[in-house]
C-alpha atoms as a PDB file:
ATOM      1  CA  MET A   1     222.719 197.033 -78.491  1.00  0.00           C
ATOM      2  CA  PRO A   2     221.975 193.889 -80.143  1.00  0.00           C
ATOM      3  CA  THR A   3     219.920 193.807 -83.326  1.00  0.00           C
ATOM      4  CA  PRO A   4     216.190 193.767 -82.132  1.00  0.00           C
ATOM      5  CA  LEU A   5     214.185 190.324 -83.539  1.00  0.00           C
ATOM      6  CA  ALA A   6     210.597 190.589 -85.025  1.00  0.00           C
ATOM      7  CA  LEU A   7     208.227 188.742 -82.215  1.00  0.00           C
ATOM      8  CA  ALA A   8     206.107 186.211 -84.630  1.00  0.00           C
ATOM      9  CA  PRO A   9     202.953 185.331 -82.893  1.00  0.00           C
ATOM     10  CA  TYR A  10     204.383 182.477 -79.806  1.00  0.00           C
ATOM     11  CA  ALA A  11     204.715 179.039 -81.172  1.00  0.00           C
ATOM     12  CA  PRO A  12     206.700 176.757 -78.513  1.00  0.00           C
ATOM     13  CA  GLY A  13     210.380 177.361 -79.535  1.00  0.00           C
ATOM     14  CA  CYS A  14     210.272 181.246 -79.902  1.00  0.00           C
ATOM     15  CA  ALA A  15     214.294 180.929 -79.105  1.00  0.00           C
ATOM     16  CA  PRO A  16     214.896 184.494 -77.651  1.00  0.00           C
ATOM     17  CA  LEU A  17     211.818 184.469 -75.204  1.00  0.00           C
ATOM     18  CA  ARG A  18     212.113 180.555 -74.139  1.00  0.00           C
ATOM     19  CA  ALA A  19     215.856 180.942 -73.610  1.00  0.00           C
ATOM     20  CA  ALA A  20     215.528 183.686 -71.036  1.00  0.00           C
ATOM     21  CA  ALA A  21     212.982 181.709 -69.327  1.00  0.00           C
ATOM     22  CA  ARG A  22     214.678 178.823 -69.362  1.00  0.00           C
ATOM     23  CA  ALA A  23     217.789 180.580 -67.697  1.00  0.00           C
ATOM     24  CA  THR A  24     215.609 182.242 -65.098  1.00  0.00           C
ATOM     25  CA  LEU A  25     214.422 178.671 -64.453  1.00  0.00           C
ATOM     26  CA  ASP A  26     217.348 176.972 -64.422  1.00  0.00           C
ATOM     27  CA  ALA A  27     218.566 179.313 -61.715  1.00  0.00           C
ATOM     28  CA  ARG A  28     215.421 178.578 -59.465  1.00  0.00           C
ATOM     29  CA  LEU A  29     213.853 181.877 -59.776  1.00  0.00           C
ATOM     30  CA  TRP A  30     210.611 183.461 -61.247  1.00  0.00           C
ATOM     31  CA  CYS A  31     209.952 185.021 -64.430  1.00  0.00           C
ATOM     32  CA  VAL A  32     208.402 188.580 -63.809  1.00  0.00           C
ATOM     33  CA  VAL A  33     207.928 191.143 -67.235  1.00  0.00           C
ATOM     34  CA  GLU A  34     209.094 194.554 -66.016  1.00  0.00           C
ATOM     35  CA  VAL A  35     208.328 197.562 -67.567  1.00  0.00           C
ATOM     36  CA  CYS A  36     210.784 200.488 -68.341  1.00  0.00           C
ATOM     37  CA  LEU A  37     209.293 203.680 -66.919  1.00  0.00           C
ATOM     38  CA  ASP A  38     212.047 206.115 -67.620  1.00  0.00           C
ATOM     39  CA  VAL A  39     214.201 205.116 -70.618  1.00  0.00           C
ATOM     40  CA  PRO A  40     217.310 207.584 -69.398  1.00  0.00           C
ATOM     41  CA  ALA A  41     217.111 206.670 -65.748  1.00  0.00           C
ATOM     42  CA  GLN A  42     216.501 202.883 -66.222  1.00  0.00           C
ATOM     43  CA  THR A  43     213.997 203.385 -63.692  1.00  0.00           C
ATOM     44  CA  TRP A  44     212.033 199.651 -64.165  1.00  0.00           C
ATOM     45  CA  GLU A  45     208.967 198.887 -62.650  1.00  0.00           C
ATOM     46  CA  PRO A  46     207.586 194.916 -62.408  1.00  0.00           C
ATOM     47  CA  ARG A  47     204.129 194.418 -63.929  1.00  0.00           C
ATOM     48  CA  LEU A  48     203.425 190.738 -64.425  1.00  0.00           C
ATOM     49  CA  LEU A  49     204.814 187.401 -62.346  1.00  0.00           C
ATOM     50  CA  ILE A  50     204.670 184.443 -63.965  1.00  0.00           C
ATOM     51  CA  CYS A  51     204.650 181.681 -61.662  1.00  0.00           C
ATOM     52  CA  ARG A  52     204.890 178.606 -64.158  1.00  0.00           C
ATOM     53  CA  ASP A  53     207.912 176.094 -64.384  1.00  0.00           C
ATOM     54  CA  ASP A  54     207.888 175.642 -68.054  1.00  0.00           C
ATOM     55  CA  PRO A  55     209.587 177.725 -70.283  1.00  0.00           C
ATOM     56  CA  ASP A  56     207.367 177.701 -73.319  1.00  0.00           C
ATOM     57  CA  ALA A  57     204.379 178.549 -70.712  1.00  0.00           C
ATOM     58  CA  VAL A  58     206.641 181.193 -69.326  1.00  0.00           C
ATOM     59  CA  ALA A  59     207.464 182.917 -72.870  1.00  0.00           C
ATOM     60  CA  ALA A  60     203.682 182.251 -74.017  1.00  0.00           C
ATOM     61  CA  ALA A  61     202.489 184.566 -71.274  1.00  0.00           C
ATOM     62  CA  ALA A  62     205.276 186.973 -71.512  1.00  0.00           C
ATOM     63  CA  ALA A  63     204.794 187.545 -75.357  1.00  0.00           C
ATOM     64  CA  ASP A  64     201.152 187.650 -74.968  1.00  0.00           C
ATOM     65  CA  TRP A  65     201.728 190.564 -71.964  1.00  0.00           C
ATOM     66  CA  ILE A  66     204.234 192.204 -74.713  1.00  0.00           C
ATOM     67  CA  ARG A  67     201.610 192.386 -77.498  1.00  0.00           C
ATOM     68  CA  GLU A  68     198.653 194.145 -75.366  1.00  0.00           C
ATOM     69  CA  ALA A  69     201.091 196.770 -74.086  1.00  0.00           C
ATOM     70  CA  PRO A  70     203.748 197.737 -77.058  1.00  0.00           C
ATOM     71  CA  GLU A  71     204.070 201.006 -76.274  1.00  0.00           C
ATOM     72  CA  ARG A  72     206.822 200.451 -73.410  1.00  0.00           C
ATOM     73  CA  ASP A  73     210.475 198.410 -73.071  1.00  0.00           C
ATOM     74  CA  VAL A  74     210.054 195.207 -71.462  1.00  0.00           C
ATOM     75  CA  ARG A  75     212.671 192.590 -70.235  1.00  0.00           C
ATOM     76  CA  LEU A  76     212.014 189.563 -68.479  1.00  0.00           C
ATOM     77  CA  ALA A  77     213.526 189.345 -65.197  1.00  0.00           C
ATOM     78  CA  GLY A  78     214.334 186.413 -62.256  1.00  0.00           C
ATOM     79  CA  TYR A  79     212.964 187.064 -59.005  1.00  0.00           C
ATOM     80  CA  THR A  80     213.284 184.636 -56.038  1.00  0.00           C
ATOM     81  CA  ARG A  81     210.705 182.464 -55.207  1.00  0.00           C
ATOM     82  CA  ASP A  82     210.511 183.381 -51.436  1.00  0.00           C
ATOM     83  CA  THR A  83     210.867 186.738 -51.276  1.00  0.00           C
ATOM     84  CA  LEU A  84     209.752 187.999 -54.919  1.00  0.00           C
ATOM     85  CA  ARG A  85     212.858 190.504 -55.064  1.00  0.00           C
ATOM     86  CA  ARG A  86     214.825 190.865 -58.149  1.00  0.00           C
ATOM     87  CA  VAL A  87     218.301 189.298 -58.485  1.00  0.00           C
ATOM     88  CA  ASP A  88     220.629 191.404 -59.986  1.00  0.00           C
ATOM     89  CA  ALA A  89     223.300 188.809 -61.303  1.00  0.00           C
ATOM     90  CA  ALA A  90     220.032 186.694 -62.567  1.00  0.00           C
ATOM     91  CA  PRO A  91     220.536 185.671 -66.377  1.00  0.00           C
ATOM     92  CA  ALA A  92     220.253 188.313 -68.841  1.00  0.00           C
ATOM     93  CA  PRO A  93     216.739 189.823 -69.376  1.00  0.00           C
ATOM     94  CA  ILE A  94     215.310 190.059 -72.746  1.00  0.00           C
ATOM     95  CA  CYS A  95     213.849 193.534 -73.908  1.00  0.00           C
ATOM     96  CA  HIS A  96     210.880 194.547 -75.884  1.00  0.00           C
ATOM     97  CA  VAL A  97     212.200 197.992 -77.674  1.00  0.00           C
ATOM     98  CA  ALA A  98     208.966 200.058 -78.058  1.00  0.00           C
ATOM     99  CA  GLY A  99     208.373 202.054 -80.979  1.00  0.00           C
ATOM    100  CA  LEU A 100     210.646 200.372 -83.664  1.00  0.00           C
ATOM    101  CA  ASP A 101     208.647 200.129 -87.022  1.00  0.00           C
ATOM    102  CA  GLY A 102     205.154 199.715 -84.895  1.00  0.00           C
ATOM    103  CA  ASP A 103     206.310 196.104 -84.455  1.00  0.00           C
ATOM    104  CA  VAL A 104     206.401 194.526 -81.250  1.00  0.00           C
ATOM    105  CA  SER A 105     210.298 193.768 -81.386  1.00  0.00           C
ATOM    106  CA  LEU A 106     212.711 191.912 -78.875  1.00  0.00           C
ATOM    107  CA  ASN A 107     216.449 192.339 -78.060  1.00  0.00           C
ATOM    108  CA  GLU A 108     218.393 189.928 -76.505  1.00  0.00           C
ATOM    109  CA  GLY A 109     220.460 191.016 -73.546  1.00  0.00           C
ATOM    110  CA  GLY A 110     219.530 193.504 -70.634  1.00  0.00           C
END
């Protein structure tokens, strides 16, 4: 598992979130914040649909949501724009790892 990265207050160019948002948007998908309900079983549930085509706006919305709910692991996933279903082959999501020294942390990868 890659080393988590501290999530500073969002600023344009926040590399991990912006890169994931851009890759998802480039695949013509909507970005969705998903929360892990059961870590051992890897059960994920969508919580926030971000219908914006700007990677900075997506990254800002995702970062704000993560800061408000830091107690769960979170990933940014790609969903189709017509059926709003998760695309398993979508670009690798970014995961927020809950409980790392009380900081909101991000992890590149899926």
